[in-house]
Amino acid sequence: MEKAVDYMTHEFSGVRTGKASPALVENIDVEAYGAQMKLKQLAVISAPEPRMLVIQPFDAQTVKDIERAIKESKIGINPHTEGKVIRLPMPELSEERRRDLVKTIKQMSEEARVRIRGHRRDGIDEVKKAQKAHEITEDEVHTLEKEIQELTDKYVKKIDEAVGAKEAEIMKV
């Protein structure tokens, strides 16, 4: 359950909030050297200004591959190449785009909730198997099921808090 929450918050870092963050592009897949690689493996990504990302490839031959991968990704930013450096200016987010981003994070959070409910189901199934094998008593079954539900509620609450914080960050002009 902890991993599901961690994965969701990592996914949230890739959702644009209007300010430049290297996390926005570091996991873009780039076709380079005949293989799929993450952008962070091919270049240094920095944010010298609040609304600008600068990508400096380790190898100048990968500039075109990186530029193509950024254009094909769904981040909605057009790269500007200047020699060996790629600049990504962050445009202002419109109200409509902000609402779309909020829908996206809510979708991500629902996927995390589904993962957590799957772990809850797995835990309860294990408890029932142990009961059938006469390893635990019926009272212990109820206690364990209650503990599993409390854990589930705790992690769902963490998801809700993360969604609220990210939504506020996106909607802030």
C-alpha atoms as a PDB file:
ATOM      1  CA  MET A   1       0.000   0.000   0.000  1.00  0.00           C
ATOM      2  CA  GLU A   2       2.898   2.315   0.797  1.00  0.00           C
ATOM      3  CA  LYS A   3       4.392   1.625  -2.632  1.00  0.00           C
ATOM      4  CA  ALA A   4       1.076   2.468  -4.315  1.00  0.00           C
ATOM      5  CA  VAL A   5       1.036   5.877  -2.595  1.00  0.00           C
ATOM      6  CA  ASP A   6       4.720   6.474  -3.407  1.00  0.00           C
ATOM      7  CA  TYR A   7       4.171   5.566  -7.052  1.00  0.00           C
ATOM      8  CA  MET A   8       1.202   7.942  -7.281  1.00  0.00           C
ATOM      9  CA  THR A   9       3.135  10.854  -5.770  1.00  0.00           C
ATOM     10  CA  HIS A  10       5.999  10.146  -8.179  1.00  0.00           C
ATOM     11  CA  GLU A  11       3.500  10.225 -11.064  1.00  0.00           C
ATOM     12  CA  PHE A  12       2.148  13.531  -9.727  1.00  0.00           C
ATOM     13  CA  SER A  13       5.618  15.077 -10.092  1.00  0.00           C
ATOM     14  CA  GLY A  14       5.263  14.608 -13.853  1.00  0.00           C
ATOM     15  CA  VAL A  15       2.072  16.684 -13.940  1.00  0.00           C
ATOM     16  CA  ARG A  16       2.849  20.260 -14.889  1.00  0.00           C
ATOM     17  CA  THR A  17       1.891  23.000 -12.450  1.00  0.00           C
ATOM     18  CA  GLY A  18       3.077  26.060 -14.354  1.00  0.00           C
ATOM     19  CA  LYS A  19       6.566  26.162 -12.926  1.00  0.00           C
ATOM     20  CA  ALA A  20       9.542  24.344 -14.401  1.00  0.00           C
ATOM     21  CA  SER A  21      10.504  21.071 -12.738  1.00  0.00           C
ATOM     22  CA  PRO A  22      13.005  18.530 -14.092  1.00  0.00           C
ATOM     23  CA  ALA A  23      10.617  15.769 -12.921  1.00  0.00           C
ATOM     24  CA  LEU A  24       8.273  16.864 -15.699  1.00  0.00           C
ATOM     25  CA  VAL A  25      10.529  15.435 -18.416  1.00  0.00           C
ATOM     26  CA  GLU A  26      13.069  13.144 -16.753  1.00  0.00           C
ATOM     27  CA  ASN A  27      11.067   9.963 -17.399  1.00  0.00           C
ATOM     28  CA  ILE A  28      10.283  10.612 -21.058  1.00  0.00           C
ATOM     29  CA  ASP A  29      11.319   7.604 -23.143  1.00  0.00           C
ATOM     30  CA  VAL A  30      13.862   8.469 -25.845  1.00  0.00           C
ATOM     31  CA  GLU A  31      14.810   6.191 -28.741  1.00  0.00           C
ATOM     32  CA  ALA A  32      18.619   6.517 -28.728  1.00  0.00           C
ATOM     33  CA  TYR A  33      21.481   4.173 -29.604  1.00  0.00           C
ATOM     34  CA  GLY A  34      18.908   1.642 -30.851  1.00  0.00           C
ATOM     35  CA  ALA A  35      17.195   1.315 -27.465  1.00  0.00           C
ATOM     36  CA  GLN A  36      14.556   3.016 -25.313  1.00  0.00           C
ATOM     37  CA  MET A  37      16.177   5.119 -22.599  1.00  0.00           C
ATOM     38  CA  LYS A  38      14.898   7.618 -20.049  1.00  0.00           C
ATOM     39  CA  LEU A  39      15.793  11.245 -20.728  1.00  0.00           C
ATOM     40  CA  LYS A  40      17.569  11.528 -17.368  1.00  0.00           C
ATOM     41  CA  GLN A  41      20.014   8.834 -18.573  1.00  0.00           C
ATOM     42  CA  LEU A  42      20.909  10.856 -21.663  1.00  0.00           C
ATOM     43  CA  ALA A  43      21.138  14.430 -20.418  1.00  0.00           C
ATOM     44  CA  VAL A  44      21.431  16.869 -17.552  1.00  0.00           C
ATOM     45  CA  ILE A  45      18.081  18.537 -16.882  1.00  0.00           C
ATOM     46  CA  SER A  46      18.033  21.839 -15.008  1.00  0.00           C
ATOM     47  CA  ALA A  47      15.617  24.665 -14.254  1.00  0.00           C
ATOM     48  CA  PRO A  48      17.663  27.891 -14.341  1.00  0.00           C
ATOM     49  CA  GLU A  49      14.495  30.026 -14.328  1.00  0.00           C
ATOM     50  CA  PRO A  50      11.013  29.399 -12.896  1.00  0.00           C
ATOM     51  CA  ARG A  51       9.526  29.022 -16.384  1.00  0.00           C
ATOM     52  CA  MET A  52      12.408  27.377 -18.273  1.00  0.00           C
ATOM     53  CA  LEU A  53      13.898  23.888 -18.411  1.00  0.00           C
ATOM     54  CA  VAL A  54      17.298  23.368 -19.995  1.00  0.00           C
ATOM     55  CA  ILE A  55      18.363  19.962 -21.275  1.00  0.00           C
ATOM     56  CA  GLN A  56      22.048  19.388 -22.006  1.00  0.00           C
ATOM     57  CA  PRO A  57      22.647  15.977 -23.630  1.00  0.00           C
ATOM     58  CA  PHE A  58      25.826  14.108 -22.694  1.00  0.00           C
ATOM     59  CA  ASP A  59      26.252  13.229 -26.376  1.00  0.00           C
ATOM     60  CA  ALA A  60      25.483  15.873 -29.032  1.00  0.00           C
ATOM     61  CA  GLN A  61      24.282  13.144 -31.424  1.00  0.00           C
ATOM     62  CA  THR A  62      21.224  12.497 -29.237  1.00  0.00           C
ATOM     63  CA  VAL A  63      19.860  16.063 -29.501  1.00  0.00           C
ATOM     64  CA  LYS A  64      17.491  15.227 -32.388  1.00  0.00           C
ATOM     65  CA  ASP A  65      16.298  12.029 -30.645  1.00  0.00           C
ATOM     66  CA  ILE A  66      15.568  13.922 -27.433  1.00  0.00           C
ATOM     67  CA  GLU A  67      13.791  16.714 -29.312  1.00  0.00           C
ATOM     68  CA  ARG A  68      11.602  14.167 -31.158  1.00  0.00           C
ATOM     69  CA  ALA A  69      10.738  12.349 -27.904  1.00  0.00           C
ATOM     70  CA  ILE A  70       9.688  15.613 -26.218  1.00  0.00           C
ATOM     71  CA  LYS A  71       7.481  16.542 -29.173  1.00  0.00           C
ATOM     72  CA  GLU A  72       5.858  13.072 -29.141  1.00  0.00           C
ATOM     73  CA  SER A  73       5.254  13.113 -25.373  1.00  0.00           C
ATOM     74  CA  LYS A  74       2.002  14.517 -24.023  1.00  0.00           C
ATOM     75  CA  ILE A  75       3.487  17.370 -21.990  1.00  0.00           C
ATOM     76  CA  GLY A  76       2.439  20.032 -24.489  1.00  0.00           C
ATOM     77  CA  ILE A  77       5.732  21.929 -24.662  1.00  0.00           C
ATOM     78  CA  ASN A  78       7.635  22.694 -27.856  1.00  0.00           C
ATOM     79  CA  PRO A  79      11.418  22.367 -27.492  1.00  0.00           C
ATOM     80  CA  HIS A  80      13.788  25.029 -28.847  1.00  0.00           C
ATOM     81  CA  THR A  81      17.176  23.646 -29.858  1.00  0.00           C
ATOM     82  CA  GLU A  82      20.241  25.872 -29.736  1.00  0.00           C
ATOM     83  CA  GLY A  83      23.250  23.819 -30.778  1.00  0.00           C
ATOM     84  CA  LYS A  84      23.787  21.178 -28.085  1.00  0.00           C
ATOM     85  CA  VAL A  85      21.230  22.671 -25.684  1.00  0.00           C
ATOM     86  CA  ILE A  86      17.455  22.154 -25.714  1.00  0.00           C
ATOM     87  CA  ARG A  87      15.300  24.772 -23.996  1.00  0.00           C
ATOM     88  CA  LEU A  88      11.733  24.121 -22.873  1.00  0.00           C
ATOM     89  CA  PRO A  89       9.828  27.336 -22.109  1.00  0.00           C
ATOM     90  CA  MET A  90       6.849  26.726 -19.810  1.00  0.00           C
ATOM     91  CA  PRO A  91       3.758  28.538 -21.093  1.00  0.00           C
ATOM     92  CA  GLU A  92       1.113  29.855 -18.709  1.00  0.00           C
ATOM     93  CA  LEU A  93      -1.612  27.341 -17.984  1.00  0.00           C
ATOM     94  CA  SER A  94      -5.105  28.284 -19.074  1.00  0.00           C
ATOM     95  CA  GLU A  95      -8.069  27.621 -16.784  1.00  0.00           C
ATOM     96  CA  GLU A  96      -9.246  24.824 -19.088  1.00  0.00           C
ATOM     97  CA  ARG A  97      -5.801  23.174 -19.063  1.00  0.00           C
ATOM     98  CA  ARG A  98      -5.684  23.411 -15.263  1.00  0.00           C
ATOM     99  CA  ARG A  99      -9.028  21.603 -15.043  1.00  0.00           C
ATOM    100  CA  ASP A 100      -7.747  18.908 -17.414  1.00  0.00           C
ATOM    101  CA  LEU A 101      -4.668  18.435 -15.229  1.00  0.00           C
ATOM    102  CA  VAL A 102      -6.870  18.112 -12.140  1.00  0.00           C
ATOM    103  CA  LYS A 103      -8.878  15.405 -13.935  1.00  0.00           C
ATOM    104  CA  THR A 104      -5.607  13.653 -14.753  1.00  0.00           C
ATOM    105  CA  ILE A 105      -4.407  13.608 -11.149  1.00  0.00           C
ATOM    106  CA  LYS A 106      -7.812  12.384  -9.974  1.00  0.00           C
ATOM    107  CA  GLN A 107      -7.549   9.543 -12.486  1.00  0.00           C
ATOM    108  CA  MET A 108      -4.063   8.700 -11.171  1.00  0.00           C
ATOM    109  CA  SER A 109      -5.357   8.754  -7.602  1.00  0.00           C
ATOM    110  CA  GLU A 110      -8.209   6.400  -8.478  1.00  0.00           C
ATOM    111  CA  GLU A 111      -5.684   3.953  -9.970  1.00  0.00           C
ATOM    112  CA  ALA A 112      -3.729   4.102  -6.690  1.00  0.00           C
ATOM    113  CA  ARG A 113      -6.939   3.471  -4.701  1.00  0.00           C
ATOM    114  CA  VAL A 114      -7.651   0.427  -6.876  1.00  0.00           C
ATOM    115  CA  ARG A 115      -4.142  -0.899  -6.152  1.00  0.00           C
ATOM    116  CA  ILE A 116      -4.677  -0.392  -2.421  1.00  0.00           C
ATOM    117  CA  ARG A 117      -8.050  -2.152  -2.512  1.00  0.00           C
ATOM    118  CA  GLY A 118      -6.354  -5.023  -4.363  1.00  0.00           C
ATOM    119  CA  HIS A 119      -3.796  -5.315  -1.553  1.00  0.00           C
ATOM    120  CA  ARG A 120      -6.640  -5.260   0.993  1.00  0.00           C
ATOM    121  CA  ARG A 121      -8.356  -8.094  -0.857  1.00  0.00           C
ATOM    122  CA  ASP A 122      -5.088 -10.080  -0.961  1.00  0.00           C
ATOM    123  CA  GLY A 123      -4.612  -9.594   2.785  1.00  0.00           C
ATOM    124  CA  ILE A 124      -8.149 -10.695   3.608  1.00  0.00           C
ATOM    125  CA  ASP A 125      -7.762 -13.724   1.320  1.00  0.00           C
ATOM    126  CA  GLU A 126      -4.588 -14.714   3.218  1.00  0.00           C
ATOM    127  CA  VAL A 127      -6.449 -14.404   6.529  1.00  0.00           C
ATOM    128  CA  LYS A 128      -9.269 -16.608   5.248  1.00  0.00           C
ATOM    129  CA  LYS A 129      -6.797 -19.212   3.970  1.00  0.00           C
ATOM    130  CA  ALA A 130      -5.161 -19.289   7.396  1.00  0.00           C
ATOM    131  CA  GLN A 131      -8.573 -19.743   9.000  1.00  0.00           C
ATOM    132  CA  LYS A 132      -9.454 -22.634   6.657  1.00  0.00           C
ATOM    133  CA  ALA A 133      -6.122 -24.263   7.514  1.00  0.00           C
ATOM    134  CA  HIS A 134      -7.108 -23.880  11.212  1.00  0.00           C
ATOM    135  CA  GLU A 135      -4.014 -21.731  11.870  1.00  0.00           C
ATOM    136  CA  ILE A 136      -6.011 -18.865  13.389  1.00  0.00           C
ATOM    137  CA  THR A 137      -9.302 -18.548  15.265  1.00  0.00           C
ATOM    138  CA  GLU A 138     -12.447 -16.757  14.152  1.00  0.00           C
ATOM    139  CA  ASP A 139     -11.774 -13.951  16.648  1.00  0.00           C
ATOM    140  CA  GLU A 140      -8.317 -13.446  15.158  1.00  0.00           C
ATOM    141  CA  VAL A 141      -9.883 -13.343  11.683  1.00  0.00           C
ATOM    142  CA  HIS A 142     -12.152 -10.461  12.712  1.00  0.00           C
ATOM    143  CA  THR A 143      -9.263  -8.639  14.412  1.00  0.00           C
ATOM    144  CA  LEU A 144      -6.983  -9.030  11.377  1.00  0.00           C
ATOM    145  CA  GLU A 145      -9.707  -7.977   8.937  1.00  0.00           C
ATOM    146  CA  LYS A 146     -10.307  -4.871  11.049  1.00  0.00           C
ATOM    147  CA  GLU A 147      -6.562  -4.067  11.046  1.00  0.00           C
ATOM    148  CA  ILE A 148      -6.374  -4.535   7.273  1.00  0.00           C
ATOM    149  CA  GLN A 149      -9.354  -2.191   6.806  1.00  0.00           C
ATOM    150  CA  GLU A 150      -7.748   0.417   9.098  1.00  0.00           C
ATOM    151  CA  LEU A 151      -4.539   0.252   7.038  1.00  0.00           C
ATOM    152  CA  THR A 152      -6.557   0.620   3.853  1.00  0.00           C
ATOM    153  CA  ASP A 153      -8.370   3.674   5.250  1.00  0.00           C
ATOM    154  CA  LYS A 154      -5.046   5.204   6.363  1.00  0.00           C
ATOM    155  CA  TYR A 155      -3.503   4.912   2.886  1.00  0.00           C
ATOM    156  CA  VAL A 156      -6.634   6.096   1.090  1.00  0.00           C
ATOM    157  CA  LYS A 157      -6.537   9.163   3.341  1.00  0.00           C
ATOM    158  CA  LYS A 158      -2.882   9.749   2.340  1.00  0.00           C
ATOM    159  CA  ILE A 159      -3.951   9.606  -1.310  1.00  0.00           C
ATOM    160  CA  ASP A 160      -6.755  12.100  -0.702  1.00  0.00           C
ATOM    161  CA  GLU A 161      -4.340  14.487   1.041  1.00  0.00           C
ATOM    162  CA  ALA A 162      -1.832  14.254  -1.824  1.00  0.00           C
ATOM    163  CA  VAL A 163      -4.589  14.891  -4.391  1.00  0.00           C
ATOM    164  CA  GLY A 164      -5.817  17.924  -2.458  1.00  0.00           C
ATOM    165  CA  ALA A 165      -2.319  19.395  -2.244  1.00  0.00           C
ATOM    166  CA  LYS A 166      -1.577  18.800  -5.935  1.00  0.00           C
ATOM    167  CA  GLU A 167      -4.970  20.185  -6.974  1.00  0.00           C
ATOM    168  CA  ALA A 168      -4.338  23.353  -4.960  1.00  0.00           C
ATOM    169  CA  GLU A 169      -0.880  23.667  -6.550  1.00  0.00           C
ATOM    170  CA  ILE A 170      -2.312  23.300 -10.063  1.00  0.00           C
ATOM    171  CA  MET A 171      -5.223  25.689  -9.576  1.00  0.00           C
ATOM    172  CA  LYS A 172      -3.041  28.381  -7.959  1.00  0.00           C
ATOM    173  CA  VAL A 173      -2.500  31.123 -10.573  1.00  0.00           C
END
